[in-house]
Amino acid sequence: MAAKTKDMKPLALENTLRDLALLRASEVDLSALLPMANDIPAKVHSVDATVESSYDLVREARKVLKAQNGGERIEEVRNKLAEVQKGYCDICYLRHTTRVFFRNIKRFKFS
């Protein structure tokens, strides 16, 4: 199946010529499918509005991505802060156990 799609050309000349011959034989007036000259400014305005809304969409998407990246950065900082806090708690625990150890050593007399 992959060989068939690889061999197929998207616009094969014989298919294109056949389609053109069918259009010519059917006597379809293609100019009737085109917009009238007085409709063009309205469509241009419509295109301008579409382009402007596309730019708005891009602006909003950039804002969302910036906020999302900022949110990821906040999570990264929060995780590092949790590691620092854990390290501080470990230090406090070691300090406390060292004090208790030395307090207990003072009670013992070594001869």
PDB file of N, CA and C in Angstrom:
ATOM      1  N   MET A   1       0.823  -1.197   0.000  1.00  0.00           N
ATOM      2  CA  MET A   1       0.000   0.000   0.000  1.00  0.00           C
ATOM      3  C   MET A   1       0.865   1.257   0.000  1.00  0.00           C
ATOM      4  N   ALA A   2       1.996   1.210   0.708  1.00  0.00           N
ATOM      5  CA  ALA A   2       2.882   2.366   0.730  1.00  0.00           C
ATOM      6  C   ALA A   2       3.469   2.627  -0.647  1.00  0.00           C
ATOM      7  N   ALA A   3       3.696   1.564  -1.407  1.00  0.00           N
ATOM      8  CA  ALA A   3       4.258   1.725  -2.746  1.00  0.00           C
ATOM      9  C   ALA A   3       3.274   2.436  -3.662  1.00  0.00           C
ATOM     10  N   LYS A   4       1.978   2.158  -3.505  1.00  0.00           N
ATOM     11  CA  LYS A   4       0.971   2.808  -4.349  1.00  0.00           C
ATOM     12  C   LYS A   4       0.929   4.310  -4.085  1.00  0.00           C
ATOM     13  N   THR A   5       0.904   4.709  -2.808  1.00  0.00           N
ATOM     14  CA  THR A   5       0.836   6.136  -2.489  1.00  0.00           C
ATOM     15  C   THR A   5       2.123   6.837  -2.873  1.00  0.00           C
ATOM     16  N   LYS A   6       3.235   6.111  -2.827  1.00  0.00           N
ATOM     17  CA  LYS A   6       4.505   6.714  -3.215  1.00  0.00           C
ATOM     18  C   LYS A   6       4.545   6.968  -4.721  1.00  0.00           C
ATOM     19  N   ASP A   7       3.970   6.049  -5.501  1.00  0.00           N
ATOM     20  CA  ASP A   7       3.972   6.177  -6.954  1.00  0.00           C
ATOM     21  C   ASP A   7       2.954   7.188  -7.462  1.00  0.00           C
ATOM     22  N   MET A   8       1.914   7.461  -6.675  1.00  0.00           N
ATOM     23  CA  MET A   8       0.854   8.378  -7.113  1.00  0.00           C
ATOM     24  C   MET A   8       1.346   9.817  -7.062  1.00  0.00           C
ATOM     25  N   LYS A   9       1.022  10.577  -8.085  1.00  0.00           N
ATOM     26  CA  LYS A   9       1.367  11.993  -8.131  1.00  0.00           C
ATOM     27  C   LYS A   9       0.102  12.777  -7.800  1.00  0.00           C
ATOM     28  N   PRO A  10       0.208  13.823  -6.983  1.00  0.00           N
ATOM     29  CA  PRO A  10      -0.993  14.546  -6.563  1.00  0.00           C
ATOM     30  C   PRO A  10      -1.777  15.168  -7.721  1.00  0.00           C
ATOM     31  N   LEU A  11      -1.094  15.683  -8.715  1.00  0.00           N
ATOM     32  CA  LEU A  11      -1.770  16.272  -9.880  1.00  0.00           C
ATOM     33  C   LEU A  11      -1.211  15.626 -11.149  1.00  0.00           C
ATOM     34  N   ALA A  12      -1.567  14.390 -11.336  1.00  0.00           N
ATOM     35  CA  ALA A  12      -1.082  13.677 -12.522  1.00  0.00           C
ATOM     36  C   ALA A  12      -1.623  14.355 -13.771  1.00  0.00           C
ATOM     37  N   LEU A  13      -0.796  14.491 -14.764  1.00  0.00           N
ATOM     38  CA  LEU A  13      -1.161  15.213 -15.973  1.00  0.00           C
ATOM     39  C   LEU A  13      -2.369  14.597 -16.669  1.00  0.00           C
ATOM     40  N   GLU A  14      -2.405  13.274 -16.769  1.00  0.00           N
ATOM     41  CA  GLU A  14      -3.535  12.644 -17.477  1.00  0.00           C
ATOM     42  C   GLU A  14      -4.856  12.876 -16.744  1.00  0.00           C
ATOM     43  N   ASN A  15      -4.816  12.866 -15.398  1.00  0.00           N
ATOM     44  CA  ASN A  15      -6.049  13.134 -14.632  1.00  0.00           C
ATOM     45  C   ASN A  15      -6.497  14.580 -14.793  1.00  0.00           C
ATOM     46  N   THR A  16      -5.541  15.493 -14.769  1.00  0.00           N
ATOM     47  CA  THR A  16      -5.868  16.911 -14.924  1.00  0.00           C
ATOM     48  C   THR A  16      -6.448  17.186 -16.307  1.00  0.00           C
ATOM     49  N   LEU A  17      -5.832  16.614 -17.325  1.00  0.00           N
ATOM     50  CA  LEU A  17      -6.341  16.811 -18.686  1.00  0.00           C
ATOM     51  C   LEU A  17      -7.739  16.213 -18.835  1.00  0.00           C
ATOM     52  N   ARG A  18      -7.992  15.059 -18.253  1.00  0.00           N
ATOM     53  CA  ARG A  18      -9.315  14.435 -18.320  1.00  0.00           C
ATOM     54  C   ARG A  18     -10.354  15.327 -17.653  1.00  0.00           C
ATOM     55  N   ASP A  19      -9.997  15.886 -16.454  1.00  0.00           N
ATOM     56  CA  ASP A  19     -10.936  16.761 -15.741  1.00  0.00           C
ATOM     57  C   ASP A  19     -11.236  18.018 -16.552  1.00  0.00           C
ATOM     58  N   LEU A  20     -10.226  18.597 -17.158  1.00  0.00           N
ATOM     59  CA  LEU A  20     -10.445  19.784 -17.993  1.00  0.00           C
ATOM     60  C   LEU A  20     -11.322  19.465 -19.204  1.00  0.00           C
ATOM     61  N   ALA A  21     -11.099  18.305 -19.797  1.00  0.00           N
ATOM     62  CA  ALA A  21     -11.920  17.906 -20.944  1.00  0.00           C
ATOM     63  C   ALA A  21     -13.375  17.711 -20.515  1.00  0.00           C
ATOM     64  N   LEU A  22     -13.601  17.134 -19.352  1.00  0.00           N
ATOM     65  CA  LEU A  22     -14.969  16.957 -18.855  1.00  0.00           C
ATOM     66  C   LEU A  22     -15.643  18.303 -18.598  1.00  0.00           C
ATOM     67  N   LEU A  23     -14.907  19.255 -18.041  1.00  0.00           N
ATOM     68  CA  LEU A  23     -15.479  20.591 -17.811  1.00  0.00           C
ATOM     69  C   LEU A  23     -15.849  21.261 -19.140  1.00  0.00           C
ATOM     70  N   ARG A  24     -14.979  21.122 -20.106  1.00  0.00           N
ATOM     71  CA  ARG A  24     -15.247  21.727 -21.405  1.00  0.00           C
ATOM     72  C   ARG A  24     -16.456  21.069 -22.074  1.00  0.00           C
ATOM     73  N   ALA A  25     -16.550  19.767 -21.975  1.00  0.00           N
ATOM     74  CA  ALA A  25     -17.654  19.038 -22.607  1.00  0.00           C
ATOM     75  C   ALA A  25     -18.979  19.308 -21.904  1.00  0.00           C
ATOM     76  N   SER A  26     -18.942  19.575 -20.609  1.00  0.00           N
ATOM     77  CA  SER A  26     -20.189  19.801 -19.886  1.00  0.00           C
ATOM     78  C   SER A  26     -20.747  21.198 -20.101  1.00  0.00           C
ATOM     79  N   GLU A  27     -19.985  22.066 -20.738  1.00  0.00           N
ATOM     80  CA  GLU A  27     -20.391  23.431 -21.047  1.00  0.00           C
ATOM     81  C   GLU A  27     -20.804  24.230 -19.807  1.00  0.00           C
ATOM     82  N   VAL A  28     -20.060  24.018 -18.735  1.00  0.00           N
ATOM     83  CA  VAL A  28     -20.297  24.782 -17.509  1.00  0.00           C
ATOM     84  C   VAL A  28     -19.686  26.160 -17.680  1.00  0.00           C
ATOM     85  N   ASP A  29     -20.447  27.209 -17.325  1.00  0.00           N
ATOM     86  CA  ASP A  29     -19.946  28.579 -17.409  1.00  0.00           C
ATOM     87  C   ASP A  29     -19.203  28.884 -16.106  1.00  0.00           C
ATOM     88  N   LEU A  30     -17.888  28.788 -16.142  1.00  0.00           N
ATOM     89  CA  LEU A  30     -17.081  28.997 -14.937  1.00  0.00           C
ATOM     90  C   LEU A  30     -17.128  30.443 -14.456  1.00  0.00           C
ATOM     91  N   SER A  31     -17.393  31.387 -15.336  1.00  0.00           N
ATOM     92  CA  SER A  31     -17.456  32.785 -14.921  1.00  0.00           C
ATOM     93  C   SER A  31     -18.636  33.028 -13.982  1.00  0.00           C
ATOM     94  N   ALA A  32     -19.665  32.183 -14.079  1.00  0.00           N
ATOM     95  CA  ALA A  32     -20.810  32.328 -13.178  1.00  0.00           C
ATOM     96  C   ALA A  32     -20.430  31.969 -11.742  1.00  0.00           C
ATOM     97  N   LEU A  33     -19.372  31.190 -11.587  1.00  0.00           N
ATOM     98  CA  LEU A  33     -18.929  30.801 -10.249  1.00  0.00           C
ATOM     99  C   LEU A  33     -18.078  31.871  -9.579  1.00  0.00           C
ATOM    100  N   LEU A  34     -17.549  32.806 -10.360  1.00  0.00           N
ATOM    101  CA  LEU A  34     -16.713  33.871  -9.818  1.00  0.00           C
ATOM    102  C   LEU A  34     -17.578  34.980  -9.232  1.00  0.00           C
ATOM    103  N   PRO A  35     -17.069  35.685  -8.189  1.00  0.00           N
ATOM    104  CA  PRO A  35     -17.850  36.781  -7.601  1.00  0.00           C
ATOM    105  C   PRO A  35     -17.963  37.954  -8.563  1.00  0.00           C
ATOM    106  N   MET A  36     -19.014  38.702  -8.417  1.00  0.00           N
ATOM    107  CA  MET A  36     -19.212  39.900  -9.232  1.00  0.00           C
ATOM    108  C   MET A  36     -18.235  40.976  -8.771  1.00  0.00           C
ATOM    109  N   ALA A  37     -17.964  41.933  -9.622  1.00  0.00           N
ATOM    110  CA  ALA A  37     -16.993  42.985  -9.321  1.00  0.00           C
ATOM    111  C   ALA A  37     -17.420  43.830  -8.122  1.00  0.00           C
ATOM    112  N   ASN A  38     -18.738  44.070  -7.961  1.00  0.00           N
ATOM    113  CA  ASN A  38     -19.199  44.901  -6.848  1.00  0.00           C
ATOM    114  C   ASN A  38     -19.181  44.132  -5.523  1.00  0.00           C
ATOM    115  N   ASP A  39     -19.019  42.817  -5.536  1.00  0.00           N
ATOM    116  CA  ASP A  39     -18.935  42.035  -4.301  1.00  0.00           C
ATOM    117  C   ASP A  39     -17.517  41.997  -3.740  1.00  0.00           C
ATOM    118  N   ILE A  40     -16.548  42.363  -4.514  1.00  0.00           N
ATOM    119  CA  ILE A  40     -15.159  42.219  -4.098  1.00  0.00           C
ATOM    120  C   ILE A  40     -14.806  43.102  -2.896  1.00  0.00           C
ATOM    121  N   PRO A  41     -15.167  44.403  -2.837  1.00  0.00           N
ATOM    122  CA  PRO A  41     -14.790  45.203  -1.661  1.00  0.00           C
ATOM    123  C   PRO A  41     -15.339  44.629  -0.360  1.00  0.00           C
ATOM    124  N   ALA A  42     -16.541  44.112  -0.375  1.00  0.00           N
ATOM    125  CA  ALA A  42     -17.100  43.521   0.853  1.00  0.00           C
ATOM    126  C   ALA A  42     -16.280  42.311   1.276  1.00  0.00           C
ATOM    127  N   LYS A  43     -15.864  41.509   0.301  1.00  0.00           N
ATOM    128  CA  LYS A  43     -15.061  40.340   0.628  1.00  0.00           C
ATOM    129  C   LYS A  43     -13.675  40.748   1.108  1.00  0.00           C
ATOM    130  N   VAL A  44     -13.106  41.804   0.526  1.00  0.00           N
ATOM    131  CA  VAL A  44     -11.802  42.283   0.976  1.00  0.00           C
ATOM    132  C   VAL A  44     -11.906  42.746   2.409  1.00  0.00           C
ATOM    133  N   HIS A  45     -12.982  43.473   2.729  1.00  0.00           N
ATOM    134  CA  HIS A  45     -13.201  43.905   4.109  1.00  0.00           C
ATOM    135  C   HIS A  45     -13.331  42.694   5.021  1.00  0.00           C
ATOM    136  N   SER A  46     -14.037  41.693   4.545  1.00  0.00           N
ATOM    137  CA  SER A  46     -14.201  40.467   5.320  1.00  0.00           C
ATOM    138  C   SER A  46     -12.850  39.792   5.548  1.00  0.00           C
ATOM    139  N   VAL A  47     -12.003  39.792   4.517  1.00  0.00           N
ATOM    140  CA  VAL A  47     -10.668  39.200   4.637  1.00  0.00           C
ATOM    141  C   VAL A  47      -9.844  39.996   5.633  1.00  0.00           C
ATOM    142  N   ASP A  48      -9.923  41.334   5.575  1.00  0.00           N
ATOM    143  CA  ASP A  48      -9.187  42.171   6.523  1.00  0.00           C
ATOM    144  C   ASP A  48      -9.627  41.874   7.957  1.00  0.00           C
ATOM    145  N   ALA A  49     -10.917  41.734   8.154  1.00  0.00           N
ATOM    146  CA  ALA A  49     -11.422  41.420   9.494  1.00  0.00           C
ATOM    147  C   ALA A  49     -10.942  40.045   9.944  1.00  0.00           C
ATOM    148  N   THR A  50     -10.913  39.106   9.019  1.00  0.00           N
ATOM    149  CA  THR A  50     -10.440  37.757   9.347  1.00  0.00           C
ATOM    150  C   THR A  50      -8.959  37.774   9.709  1.00  0.00           C
ATOM    151  N   VAL A  51      -8.173  38.536   8.957  1.00  0.00           N
ATOM    152  CA  VAL A  51      -6.743  38.644   9.253  1.00  0.00           C
ATOM    153  C   VAL A  51      -6.544  39.292  10.619  1.00  0.00           C
ATOM    154  N   GLU A  52      -7.318  40.342  10.904  1.00  0.00           N
ATOM    155  CA  GLU A  52      -7.203  41.017  12.199  1.00  0.00           C
ATOM    156  C   GLU A  52      -7.573  40.084  13.344  1.00  0.00           C
ATOM    157  N   SER A  53      -8.630  39.297  13.175  1.00  0.00           N
ATOM    158  CA  SER A  53      -9.001  38.348  14.235  1.00  0.00           C
ATOM    159  C   SER A  53      -7.951  37.258  14.373  1.00  0.00           C
ATOM    160  N   SER A  54      -7.287  36.916  13.264  1.00  0.00           N
ATOM    161  CA  SER A  54      -6.192  35.947  13.329  1.00  0.00           C
ATOM    162  C   SER A  54      -5.040  36.509  14.153  1.00  0.00           C
ATOM    163  N   TYR A  55      -4.712  37.791  13.939  1.00  0.00           N
ATOM    164  CA  TYR A  55      -3.667  38.426  14.738  1.00  0.00           C
ATOM    165  C   TYR A  55      -4.059  38.464  16.214  1.00  0.00           C
ATOM    166  N   ASP A  56      -5.325  38.740  16.495  1.00  0.00           N
ATOM    167  CA  ASP A  56      -5.794  38.730  17.879  1.00  0.00           C
ATOM    168  C   ASP A  56      -5.621  37.353  18.508  1.00  0.00           C
ATOM    169  N   LEU A  57      -5.948  36.321  17.735  1.00  0.00           N
ATOM    170  CA  LEU A  57      -5.786  34.960  18.232  1.00  0.00           C
ATOM    171  C   LEU A  57      -4.322  34.666  18.556  1.00  0.00           C
ATOM    172  N   VAL A  58      -3.427  35.097  17.688  1.00  0.00           N
ATOM    173  CA  VAL A  58      -1.996  34.874  17.918  1.00  0.00           C
ATOM    174  C   VAL A  58      -1.545  35.619  19.170  1.00  0.00           C
ATOM    175  N   ARG A  59      -2.013  36.858  19.338  1.00  0.00           N
ATOM    176  CA  ARG A  59      -1.652  37.625  20.540  1.00  0.00           C
ATOM    177  C   ARG A  59      -2.112  36.907  21.806  1.00  0.00           C
ATOM    178  N   GLU A  60      -3.350  36.437  21.792  1.00  0.00           N
ATOM    179  CA  GLU A  60      -3.877  35.731  22.961  1.00  0.00           C
ATOM    180  C   GLU A  60      -3.124  34.431  23.206  1.00  0.00           C
ATOM    181  N   ALA A  61      -2.794  33.726  22.141  1.00  0.00           N
ATOM    182  CA  ALA A  61      -2.042  32.470  22.295  1.00  0.00           C
ATOM    183  C   ALA A  61      -0.669  32.744  22.904  1.00  0.00           C
ATOM    184  N   ARG A  62      -0.037  33.825  22.476  1.00  0.00           N
ATOM    185  CA  ARG A  62       1.269  34.175  23.054  1.00  0.00           C
ATOM    186  C   ARG A  62       1.144  34.512  24.525  1.00  0.00           C
ATOM    187  N   LYS A  63       0.082  35.219  24.895  1.00  0.00           N
ATOM    188  CA  LYS A  63      -0.139  35.533  26.311  1.00  0.00           C
ATOM    189  C   LYS A  63      -0.308  34.257  27.128  1.00  0.00           C
ATOM    190  N   VAL A  64      -1.081  33.327  26.590  1.00  0.00           N
ATOM    191  CA  VAL A  64      -1.313  32.063  27.300  1.00  0.00           C
ATOM    192  C   VAL A  64      -0.011  31.294  27.456  1.00  0.00           C
ATOM    193  N   LEU A  65       0.784  31.232  26.383  1.00  0.00           N
ATOM    194  CA  LEU A  65       2.056  30.517  26.462  1.00  0.00           C
ATOM    195  C   LEU A  65       2.998  31.177  27.455  1.00  0.00           C
ATOM    196  N   LYS A  66       3.000  32.509  27.460  1.00  0.00           N
ATOM    197  CA  LYS A  66       3.857  33.226  28.404  1.00  0.00           C
ATOM    198  C   LYS A  66       3.418  32.931  29.839  1.00  0.00           C
ATOM    199  N   ALA A  67       2.109  32.937  30.078  1.00  0.00           N
ATOM    200  CA  ALA A  67       1.597  32.631  31.410  1.00  0.00           C
ATOM    201  C   ALA A  67       1.897  31.188  31.786  1.00  0.00           C
ATOM    202  N   GLN A  68       1.753  30.286  30.824  1.00  0.00           N
ATOM    203  CA  GLN A  68       2.028  28.879  31.103  1.00  0.00           C
ATOM    204  C   GLN A  68       3.505  28.683  31.434  1.00  0.00           C
ATOM    205  N   ASN A  69       4.377  29.314  30.666  1.00  0.00           N
ATOM    206  CA  ASN A  69       5.805  29.201  30.947  1.00  0.00           C
ATOM    207  C   ASN A  69       6.129  29.814  32.301  1.00  0.00           C
ATOM    208  N   GLY A  70       5.461  30.907  32.636  1.00  0.00           N
ATOM    209  CA  GLY A  70       5.640  31.504  33.957  1.00  0.00           C
ATOM    210  C   GLY A  70       5.151  30.567  35.036  1.00  0.00           C
ATOM    211  N   GLY A  71       4.048  29.872  34.790  1.00  0.00           N
ATOM    212  CA  GLY A  71       3.521  28.910  35.751  1.00  0.00           C
ATOM    213  C   GLY A  71       4.479  27.762  35.960  1.00  0.00           C
ATOM    214  N   GLU A  72       5.113  27.313  34.870  1.00  0.00           N
ATOM    215  CA  GLU A  72       6.110  26.247  35.001  1.00  0.00           C
ATOM    216  C   GLU A  72       7.288  26.748  35.826  1.00  0.00           C
ATOM    217  N   ARG A  73       7.674  27.983  35.615  1.00  0.00           N
ATOM    218  CA  ARG A  73       8.789  28.566  36.372  1.00  0.00           C
ATOM    219  C   ARG A  73       8.421  28.659  37.854  1.00  0.00           C
ATOM    220  N   ILE A  74       7.186  29.023  38.140  1.00  0.00           N
ATOM    221  CA  ILE A  74       6.739  29.096  39.537  1.00  0.00           C
ATOM    222  C   ILE A  74       6.817  27.725  40.184  1.00  0.00           C
ATOM    223  N   GLU A  75       6.381  26.686  39.468  1.00  0.00           N
ATOM    224  CA  GLU A  75       6.446  25.328  40.009  1.00  0.00           C
ATOM    225  C   GLU A  75       7.892  24.910  40.255  1.00  0.00           C
ATOM    226  N   GLU A  76       8.774  25.291  39.339  1.00  0.00           N
ATOM    227  CA  GLU A  76      10.191  24.958  39.488  1.00  0.00           C
ATOM    228  C   GLU A  76      10.763  25.614  40.743  1.00  0.00           C
ATOM    229  N   VAL A  77      10.456  26.893  40.939  1.00  0.00           N
ATOM    230  CA  VAL A  77      10.936  27.612  42.120  1.00  0.00           C
ATOM    231  C   VAL A  77      10.317  27.022  43.382  1.00  0.00           C
ATOM    232  N   ARG A  78       9.031  26.669  43.317  1.00  0.00           N
ATOM    233  CA  ARG A  78       8.357  26.084  44.471  1.00  0.00           C
ATOM    234  C   ARG A  78       9.008  24.755  44.861  1.00  0.00           C
ATOM    235  N   ASN A  79       9.354  23.928  43.870  1.00  0.00           N
ATOM    236  CA  ASN A  79      10.008  22.652  44.159  1.00  0.00           C
ATOM    237  C   ASN A  79      11.385  22.853  44.783  1.00  0.00           C
ATOM    238  N   LYS A  80      12.142  23.841  44.262  1.00  0.00           N
ATOM    239  CA  LYS A  80      13.453  24.127  44.847  1.00  0.00           C
ATOM    240  C   LYS A  80      13.316  24.638  46.277  1.00  0.00           C
ATOM    241  N   LEU A  81      12.321  25.456  46.519  1.00  0.00           N
ATOM    242  CA  LEU A  81      12.087  25.958  47.866  1.00  0.00           C
ATOM    243  C   LEU A  81      11.729  24.820  48.818  1.00  0.00           C
ATOM    244  N   ALA A  82      10.950  23.854  48.349  1.00  0.00           N
ATOM    245  CA  ALA A  82      10.607  22.698  49.182  1.00  0.00           C
ATOM    246  C   ALA A  82      11.860  21.894  49.520  1.00  0.00           C
ATOM    247  N   GLU A  83      12.790  21.769  48.556  1.00  0.00           N
ATOM    248  CA  GLU A  83      14.048  21.072  48.829  1.00  0.00           C
ATOM    249  C   GLU A  83      14.869  21.818  49.874  1.00  0.00           C
ATOM    250  N   VAL A  84      14.915  23.147  49.755  1.00  0.00           N
ATOM    251  CA  VAL A  84      15.654  23.955  50.727  1.00  0.00           C
ATOM    252  C   VAL A  84      15.030  23.808  52.110  1.00  0.00           C
ATOM    253  N   GLN A  85      13.709  23.839  52.163  1.00  0.00           N
ATOM    254  CA  GLN A  85      13.017  23.699  53.437  1.00  0.00           C
ATOM    255  C   GLN A  85      13.307  22.333  54.060  1.00  0.00           C
ATOM    256  N   LYS A  86      13.310  21.291  53.250  1.00  0.00           N
ATOM    257  CA  LYS A  86      13.612  19.952  53.759  1.00  0.00           C
ATOM    258  C   LYS A  86      15.034  19.910  54.286  1.00  0.00           C
ATOM    259  N   GLY A  87      15.974  20.513  53.530  1.00  0.00           N
ATOM    260  CA  GLY A  87      17.364  20.568  53.979  1.00  0.00           C
ATOM    261  C   GLY A  87      17.489  21.326  55.289  1.00  0.00           C
ATOM    262  N   TYR A  88      16.758  22.419  55.433  1.00  0.00           N
ATOM    263  CA  TYR A  88      16.783  23.204  56.683  1.00  0.00           C
ATOM    264  C   TYR A  88      16.239  22.376  57.840  1.00  0.00           C
ATOM    265  N   CYS A  89      15.162  21.640  57.603  1.00  0.00           N
ATOM    266  CA  CYS A  89      14.594  20.788  58.651  1.00  0.00           C
ATOM    267  C   CYS A  89      15.584  19.705  59.050  1.00  0.00           C
ATOM    268  N   ASP A  90      16.296  19.155  58.062  1.00  0.00           N
ATOM    269  CA  ASP A  90      17.314  18.144  58.370  1.00  0.00           C
ATOM    270  C   ASP A  90      18.421  18.739  59.227  1.00  0.00           C
ATOM    271  N   ILE A  91      18.852  19.964  58.909  1.00  0.00           N
ATOM    272  CA  ILE A  91      19.896  20.636  59.686  1.00  0.00           C
ATOM    273  C   ILE A  91      19.410  20.894  61.107  1.00  0.00           C
ATOM    274  N   CYS A  92      18.163  21.348  61.230  1.00  0.00           N
ATOM    275  CA  CYS A  92      17.611  21.600  62.565  1.00  0.00           C
ATOM    276  C   CYS A  92      17.559  20.310  63.372  1.00  0.00           C
ATOM    277  N   TYR A  93      17.183  19.218  62.730  1.00  0.00           N
ATOM    278  CA  TYR A  93      17.115  17.932  63.419  1.00  0.00           C
ATOM    279  C   TYR A  93      18.510  17.487  63.854  1.00  0.00           C
ATOM    280  N   LEU A  94      19.507  17.635  62.980  1.00  0.00           N
ATOM    281  CA  LEU A  94      20.878  17.273  63.338  1.00  0.00           C
ATOM    282  C   LEU A  94      21.389  18.139  64.480  1.00  0.00           C
ATOM    283  N   ARG A  95      21.084  19.400  64.445  1.00  0.00           N
ATOM    284  CA  ARG A  95      21.507  20.314  65.519  1.00  0.00           C
ATOM    285  C   ARG A  95      20.897  19.882  66.846  1.00  0.00           C
ATOM    286  N   HIS A  96      19.625  19.555  66.813  1.00  0.00           N
ATOM    287  CA  HIS A  96      18.936  19.121  68.039  1.00  0.00           C
ATOM    288  C   HIS A  96      19.531  17.809  68.558  1.00  0.00           C
ATOM    289  N   THR A  97      19.726  16.835  67.677  1.00  0.00           N
ATOM    290  CA  THR A  97      20.276  15.550  68.133  1.00  0.00           C
ATOM    291  C   THR A  97      21.703  15.706  68.621  1.00  0.00           C
ATOM    292  N   THR A  98      22.475  16.628  68.039  1.00  0.00           N
ATOM    293  CA  THR A  98      23.847  16.874  68.513  1.00  0.00           C
ATOM    294  C   THR A  98      23.813  17.459  69.916  1.00  0.00           C
ATOM    295  N   ARG A  99      22.907  18.405  70.157  1.00  0.00           N
ATOM    296  CA  ARG A  99      22.782  18.991  71.500  1.00  0.00           C
ATOM    297  C   ARG A  99      22.407  17.921  72.523  1.00  0.00           C
ATOM    298  N   VAL A 100      21.453  17.089  72.141  1.00  0.00           N
ATOM    299  CA  VAL A 100      21.021  16.026  73.056  1.00  0.00           C
ATOM    300  C   VAL A 100      22.184  15.073  73.310  1.00  0.00           C
ATOM    301  N   PHE A 101      22.929  14.742  72.274  1.00  0.00           N
ATOM    302  CA  PHE A 101      24.065  13.843  72.416  1.00  0.00           C
ATOM    303  C   PHE A 101      25.093  14.416  73.393  1.00  0.00           C
ATOM    304  N   PHE A 102      25.477  15.691  73.203  1.00  0.00           N
ATOM    305  CA  PHE A 102      26.482  16.287  74.077  1.00  0.00           C
ATOM    306  C   PHE A 102      25.952  16.491  75.499  1.00  0.00           C
ATOM    307  N   ARG A 103      24.683  16.751  75.647  1.00  0.00           N
ATOM    308  CA  ARG A 103      24.071  16.850  76.973  1.00  0.00           C
ATOM    309  C   ARG A 103      24.179  15.505  77.695  1.00  0.00           C
ATOM    310  N   ASN A 104      23.913  14.445  76.968  1.00  0.00           N
ATOM    311  CA  ASN A 104      23.981  13.112  77.569  1.00  0.00           C
ATOM    312  C   ASN A 104      25.428  12.704  77.843  1.00  0.00           C
ATOM    313  N   ILE A 105      26.374  13.135  77.036  1.00  0.00           N
ATOM    314  CA  ILE A 105      27.781  12.797  77.276  1.00  0.00           C
ATOM    315  C   ILE A 105      28.268  13.453  78.553  1.00  0.00           C
ATOM    316  N   LYS A 106      27.818  14.656  78.830  1.00  0.00           N
ATOM    317  CA  LYS A 106      28.239  15.365  80.039  1.00  0.00           C
ATOM    318  C   LYS A 106      27.792  14.618  81.287  1.00  0.00           C
ATOM    319  N   ARG A 107      26.707  13.876  81.186  1.00  0.00           N
ATOM    320  CA  ARG A 107      26.212  13.125  82.339  1.00  0.00           C
ATOM    321  C   ARG A 107      27.122  11.940  82.669  1.00  0.00           C
ATOM    322  N   PHE A 108      27.761  11.416  81.661  1.00  0.00           N
ATOM    323  CA  PHE A 108      28.633  10.257  81.892  1.00  0.00           C
ATOM    324  C   PHE A 108      30.015  10.740  82.282  1.00  0.00           C
ATOM    325  N   LYS A 109      30.601  10.046  83.219  1.00  0.00           N
ATOM    326  CA  LYS A 109      31.964  10.368  83.637  1.00  0.00           C
ATOM    327  C   LYS A 109      32.864   9.268  83.120  1.00  0.00           C
ATOM    328  N   PHE A 110      33.866   9.700  82.400  1.00  0.00           N
ATOM    329  CA  PHE A 110      34.801   8.716  81.887  1.00  0.00           C
ATOM    330  C   PHE A 110      36.052   8.749  82.752  1.00  0.00           C
ATOM    331  N   SER A 111      36.526   7.586  83.194  1.00  0.00           N
ATOM    332  CA  SER A 111      37.723   7.561  84.017  1.00  0.00           C
ATOM    333  C   SER A 111      38.918   7.068  83.249  1.00  0.00           C
TER     334      SER A 111
END
